Amino acid sequence: MTMGVMVSFTAAVVQAAAVGFDLDAGLEKVARLASEASAGGAALAVFPEAFLPGYPRGITFGTVVGDRTREGREHFRRYFDASVDVPGPAVDRLAGIAAETALHLVIGVVEREGGTLYCTVLFFSPDGYLGKHRKLMPTGAERIVWGFGDGSTLPVFETPLGRLGAVICWENYMPLLRMAMYAKATVRRPQMAARRGCQRCATWRSRDAASCSPATNSRAVTTSPTTFPTRSRKRPMMS
């Protein structure tokens, strides 16, 4: 990359329901959608926040202040068991998908380390795993299930598409985090030259850098609605 050079590439912004609490099925869905994006000419595919194993919208995990139900503990265990070790087999599978499809891949996962879960973005190039960003401050009730990230995972990667980095959801409203990313020379907002429907591709053009903010968030998952009780009626998690 040289200063002042216009970079043009096609990006696929994936908006799809996750396969909730089923990591293996979720990885198969990533492989299928990534293949579709690559066939459409995309060089970069961006998947939603917590796509593996799903964003737990509406699930209470049996919590009230000072207590948790037995059923809620079991729901959390299932969520924990379906989450992603970094490094680990799921990361290896995603690296293989990126290589097979010749894509730069940015995907939201729920990362498991020790006894804590983190809302994390993973980055891949066709040559393999690049790194991760953990959400610094889970939003509201997300703190019931996700731990806090820190400043050690705010990477920006040099790629043939430009400099690639990410912030997650509400992090787009955090001034110091945005300032930190701007200082690493990601652009504020890629300008879309064309916009199409869900799971279609759009051409992104930027000067000197490519920036990725996976704030598009498919909150629904394809788990049976009878599996987990939820508190949200207007916008249920399940589909």
Protein backbone atom coordinates (compact mmCIF):
# COMPACT_ATOMS: atom_id res chain seq x y z
CA MET A 1 0.00 0.00 0.00
CA THR A 2 1.20 3.50 -0.80
CA MET A 3 -0.19 6.76 0.46
CA GLY A 4 -2.87 8.26 -1.75
CA VAL A 5 -3.62 5.07 -3.67
CA MET A 6 -7.30 4.26 -4.14
CA VAL A 7 -8.16 0.72 -3.05
CA SER A 8 -11.26 -0.93 -4.47
CA PHE A 9 -12.59 -4.33 -3.46
CA THR A 10 -15.85 -6.18 -2.98
CA ALA A 11 -17.04 -6.93 0.56
CA ALA A 12 -19.82 -9.27 1.62
CA VAL A 13 -21.69 -8.10 4.73
CA VAL A 14 -23.42 -11.23 5.98
CA GLN A 15 -26.76 -10.81 7.75
CA ALA A 16 -27.95 -14.27 8.70
CA ALA A 17 -29.32 -16.08 11.73
CA ALA A 18 -26.83 -18.02 13.80
CA VAL A 19 -27.29 -21.69 14.63
CA GLY A 20 -27.67 -21.16 18.36
CA PHE A 21 -25.66 -23.23 20.83
CA ASP A 22 -24.37 -25.56 18.08
CA LEU A 23 -20.79 -24.76 17.12
CA ASP A 24 -20.36 -27.52 14.54
CA ALA A 25 -23.54 -26.58 12.68
CA GLY A 26 -22.57 -22.92 12.92
CA LEU A 27 -19.21 -23.60 11.31
CA GLU A 28 -20.91 -25.42 8.47
CA LYS A 29 -23.16 -22.40 7.93
CA VAL A 30 -20.11 -20.10 7.90
CA ALA A 31 -18.51 -22.32 5.26
CA ARG A 32 -21.62 -22.16 3.07
CA LEU A 33 -22.09 -18.40 3.37
CA ALA A 34 -18.38 -17.71 2.84
CA SER A 35 -18.46 -19.84 -0.30
CA GLU A 36 -21.44 -17.84 -1.59
CA ALA A 37 -19.64 -14.57 -0.86
CA SER A 38 -16.50 -15.75 -2.64
CA ALA A 39 -18.51 -16.91 -5.64
CA GLY A 40 -20.03 -13.43 -5.78
CA GLY A 41 -16.58 -11.89 -6.11
CA ALA A 42 -16.01 -10.77 -2.51
CA ALA A 43 -12.49 -10.37 -1.15
CA LEU A 44 -13.73 -9.68 2.40
CA ALA A 45 -16.62 -11.27 4.29
CA VAL A 46 -17.86 -9.79 7.57
CA PHE A 47 -20.09 -11.86 9.88
CA PRO A 48 -22.17 -10.52 12.80
CA GLU A 49 -21.32 -10.13 16.46
CA ALA A 50 -21.29 -13.44 18.37
CA PHE A 51 -22.25 -15.42 15.26
CA LEU A 52 -20.62 -18.50 16.80
CA PRO A 53 -22.45 -19.87 18.75
CA GLY A 54 -25.06 -17.08 18.64
CA TYR A 55 -26.09 -13.87 20.39
CA PRO A 56 -28.31 -14.92 23.35
CA ARG A 57 -30.96 -12.25 22.90
CA GLY A 58 -33.84 -12.62 25.34
CA ILE A 59 -32.29 -15.45 27.35
CA THR A 60 -32.14 -14.64 31.06
CA PHE A 61 -29.93 -17.58 32.06
CA GLY A 62 -32.20 -17.78 35.09
CA THR A 63 -30.71 -14.71 36.72
CA VAL A 64 -32.06 -12.29 39.27
CA VAL A 65 -29.93 -10.23 41.63
CA GLY A 66 -28.30 -12.63 44.06
CA ASP A 67 -29.55 -15.87 42.54
CA ARG A 68 -29.68 -18.08 39.46
CA THR A 69 -32.03 -20.95 38.76
CA ARG A 70 -30.84 -24.49 38.15
CA GLU A 71 -32.23 -24.30 34.62
CA GLY A 72 -30.38 -21.05 34.03
CA ARG A 73 -27.10 -22.61 35.11
CA GLU A 74 -27.69 -25.42 32.63
CA HIS A 75 -28.41 -22.91 29.84
CA PHE A 76 -25.12 -21.16 30.59
CA ARG A 77 -23.26 -24.49 30.61
CA ARG A 78 -24.60 -25.26 27.15
CA TYR A 79 -23.63 -21.80 25.91
CA PHE A 80 -20.17 -22.19 27.44
CA ASP A 81 -19.68 -25.64 25.92
CA ALA A 82 -20.60 -24.35 22.46
CA SER A 83 -18.16 -21.41 22.61
CA VAL A 84 -14.81 -21.05 20.86
CA ASP A 85 -11.31 -21.73 22.18
CA VAL A 86 -8.68 -19.39 20.72
CA PRO A 87 -6.53 -21.08 19.51
CA GLY A 88 -8.49 -24.27 18.99
CA PRO A 89 -10.29 -26.52 16.50
CA ALA A 90 -12.92 -23.93 15.55
CA VAL A 91 -10.22 -21.36 14.76
CA ASP A 92 -8.43 -23.94 12.62
CA ARG A 93 -11.70 -24.64 10.78
CA LEU A 94 -12.31 -20.94 10.15
CA ALA A 95 -8.75 -20.56 8.86
CA GLY A 96 -9.45 -23.42 6.48
CA ILE A 97 -12.64 -21.74 5.27
CA ALA A 98 -10.74 -18.50 4.59
CA ALA A 99 -8.10 -20.44 2.64
CA GLU A 100 -10.64 -22.47 0.65
CA THR A 101 -12.62 -19.39 -0.34
CA ALA A 102 -9.62 -17.04 -0.76
CA LEU A 103 -11.35 -14.58 1.58
CA HIS A 104 -10.33 -12.17 4.27
CA LEU A 105 -12.78 -13.21 6.97
CA VAL A 106 -13.95 -11.17 9.97
CA ILE A 107 -16.34 -12.98 12.31
CA GLY A 108 -17.87 -12.46 15.73
CA VAL A 109 -17.52 -15.37 18.15
CA VAL A 110 -18.03 -16.03 21.83
CA GLU A 111 -14.53 -16.86 23.04
CA ARG A 112 -13.95 -19.19 25.98
CA GLU A 113 -10.90 -18.81 28.19
CA GLY A 114 -10.69 -20.31 31.66
CA GLY A 115 -14.11 -19.84 33.21
CA THR A 116 -14.94 -16.63 31.32
CA LEU A 117 -16.65 -15.93 28.01
CA TYR A 118 -15.74 -12.93 25.85
CA CYS A 119 -17.46 -11.28 22.90
CA THR A 120 -14.65 -11.46 20.36
CA VAL A 121 -13.92 -10.68 16.71
CA LEU A 122 -11.56 -13.05 14.88
CA PHE A 123 -9.60 -12.02 11.77
CA PHE A 124 -8.41 -14.34 9.01
CA SER A 125 -6.67 -13.93 5.69
CA PRO A 126 -6.44 -16.61 3.00
CA ASP A 127 -3.06 -17.42 4.56
CA GLY A 128 -4.43 -18.11 8.03
CA TYR A 129 -5.44 -16.67 11.41
CA LEU A 130 -4.42 -13.06 12.02
CA GLY A 131 -5.64 -12.24 15.52
CA LYS A 132 -8.58 -11.09 17.66
CA HIS A 133 -10.31 -8.19 19.35
CA ARG A 134 -12.27 -8.67 22.58
CA LYS A 135 -15.17 -6.34 23.27
CA LEU A 136 -13.96 -3.97 25.99
CA MET A 137 -17.24 -3.36 27.77
CA PRO A 138 -20.19 -5.71 27.29
CA THR A 139 -23.38 -3.70 26.95
CA GLY A 140 -25.95 -3.80 29.77
CA ALA A 141 -27.13 -7.31 30.60
CA GLU A 142 -24.45 -8.82 28.33
CA ARG A 143 -22.26 -8.55 31.44
CA ILE A 144 -24.21 -11.45 32.93
CA VAL A 145 -22.47 -13.80 30.49
CA TRP A 146 -19.47 -11.96 28.98
CA GLY A 147 -16.31 -10.70 30.63
CA PHE A 148 -14.48 -7.44 29.91
CA GLY A 149 -11.78 -7.16 27.27
CA ASP A 150 -8.82 -4.79 27.55
CA GLY A 151 -6.55 -2.64 25.43
CA SER A 152 -4.23 -5.52 24.57
CA THR A 153 -6.57 -6.67 21.79
CA LEU A 154 -7.03 -3.62 19.56
CA PRO A 155 -5.17 -4.87 16.49
CA VAL A 156 -5.01 -3.40 13.02
CA PHE A 157 -3.64 -5.75 10.36
CA GLU A 158 -1.84 -4.82 7.16
CA THR A 159 -3.52 -6.71 4.32
CA PRO A 160 -3.62 -6.43 0.53
CA LEU A 161 -7.04 -4.78 1.03
CA GLY A 162 -5.63 -2.16 3.39
CA ARG A 163 -5.48 -1.93 7.17
CA LEU A 164 -8.09 -4.15 8.75
CA GLY A 165 -9.44 -3.64 12.27
CA ALA A 166 -12.76 -3.88 14.09
CA VAL A 167 -14.91 -2.48 16.84
CA ILE A 168 -18.04 -4.20 18.10
CA CYS A 169 -21.56 -2.79 18.36
CA TRP A 170 -21.69 -0.16 21.15
CA GLU A 171 -17.91 0.32 20.92
CA ASN A 172 -18.69 2.54 17.93
CA TYR A 173 -19.97 5.07 20.51
CA MET A 174 -16.84 4.97 22.70
CA PRO A 175 -14.77 8.07 21.83
CA LEU A 176 -11.41 6.89 23.19
CA LEU A 177 -11.68 3.53 21.51
CA ARG A 178 -12.54 5.18 18.20
CA MET A 179 -9.62 7.57 18.68
CA ALA A 180 -7.29 4.63 19.27
CA MET A 181 -8.43 3.01 16.03
CA TYR A 182 -8.16 6.25 14.06
CA ALA A 183 -4.61 6.64 15.36
CA LYS A 184 -3.79 3.29 13.77
CA ALA A 185 -4.90 4.68 10.41
CA THR A 186 -8.10 2.81 9.82
CA VAL A 187 -10.58 4.95 7.93
CA ARG A 188 -13.64 6.30 9.69
CA ARG A 189 -16.19 4.74 7.38
CA PRO A 190 -15.80 2.92 4.07
CA GLN A 191 -17.91 4.53 1.38
CA MET A 192 -20.17 2.00 -0.28
CA ALA A 193 -20.34 2.50 -4.01
CA ALA A 194 -23.22 0.01 -4.23
CA ARG A 195 -25.59 -1.51 -1.73
CA ARG A 196 -27.57 -4.69 -2.24
CA GLY A 197 -29.68 -6.98 -0.10
CA CYS A 198 -28.71 -9.28 2.74
CA GLN A 199 -25.89 -11.70 2.00
CA ARG A 200 -25.11 -9.81 -1.20
CA CYS A 201 -21.92 -7.95 -1.96
CA ALA A 202 -21.09 -4.26 -2.04
CA THR A 203 -17.97 -2.59 -3.39
CA TRP A 204 -16.05 -0.63 -0.79
CA ARG A 205 -13.60 2.09 -1.83
CA SER A 206 -11.22 3.79 0.56
CA ARG A 207 -7.96 5.70 0.47
CA ASP A 208 -4.95 3.98 2.01
CA ALA A 209 -6.92 1.75 4.37
CA ALA A 210 -9.82 -0.61 4.79
CA SER A 211 -11.79 -0.49 8.02
CA CYS A 212 -14.23 -3.09 9.26
CA SER A 213 -16.81 -2.55 11.98
CA PRO A 214 -18.95 -5.69 12.46
CA ALA A 215 -21.80 -3.83 14.10
CA THR A 216 -24.38 -5.52 11.89
CA ASN A 217 -25.86 -7.95 14.35
CA SER A 218 -28.27 -10.75 13.51
CA ARG A 219 -29.93 -11.22 16.88
CA ALA A 220 -31.96 -14.27 15.90
CA VAL A 221 -30.75 -17.84 16.13
CA THR A 222 -32.21 -20.98 14.66
CA THR A 223 -32.82 -22.84 17.91
CA SER A 224 -36.25 -24.15 18.86
CA PRO A 225 -38.14 -21.47 20.82
CA THR A 226 -39.15 -24.11 23.36
CA THR A 227 -35.53 -24.78 24.29
CA PHE A 228 -34.94 -21.63 26.34
CA PRO A 229 -37.45 -19.34 28.04
CA THR A 230 -37.04 -15.68 27.10
CA ARG A 231 -38.30 -12.40 28.56
CA SER A 232 -38.59 -10.49 25.27
CA ARG A 233 -41.95 -10.70 23.48
CA LYS A 234 -41.67 -7.89 20.96
CA ARG A 235 -38.28 -8.93 19.59
CA PRO A 236 -37.70 -12.58 20.46
CA MET A 237 -34.29 -14.13 19.99
CA MET A 238 -35.51 -17.31 18.40
CA SER A 239 -36.57 -17.71 14.77
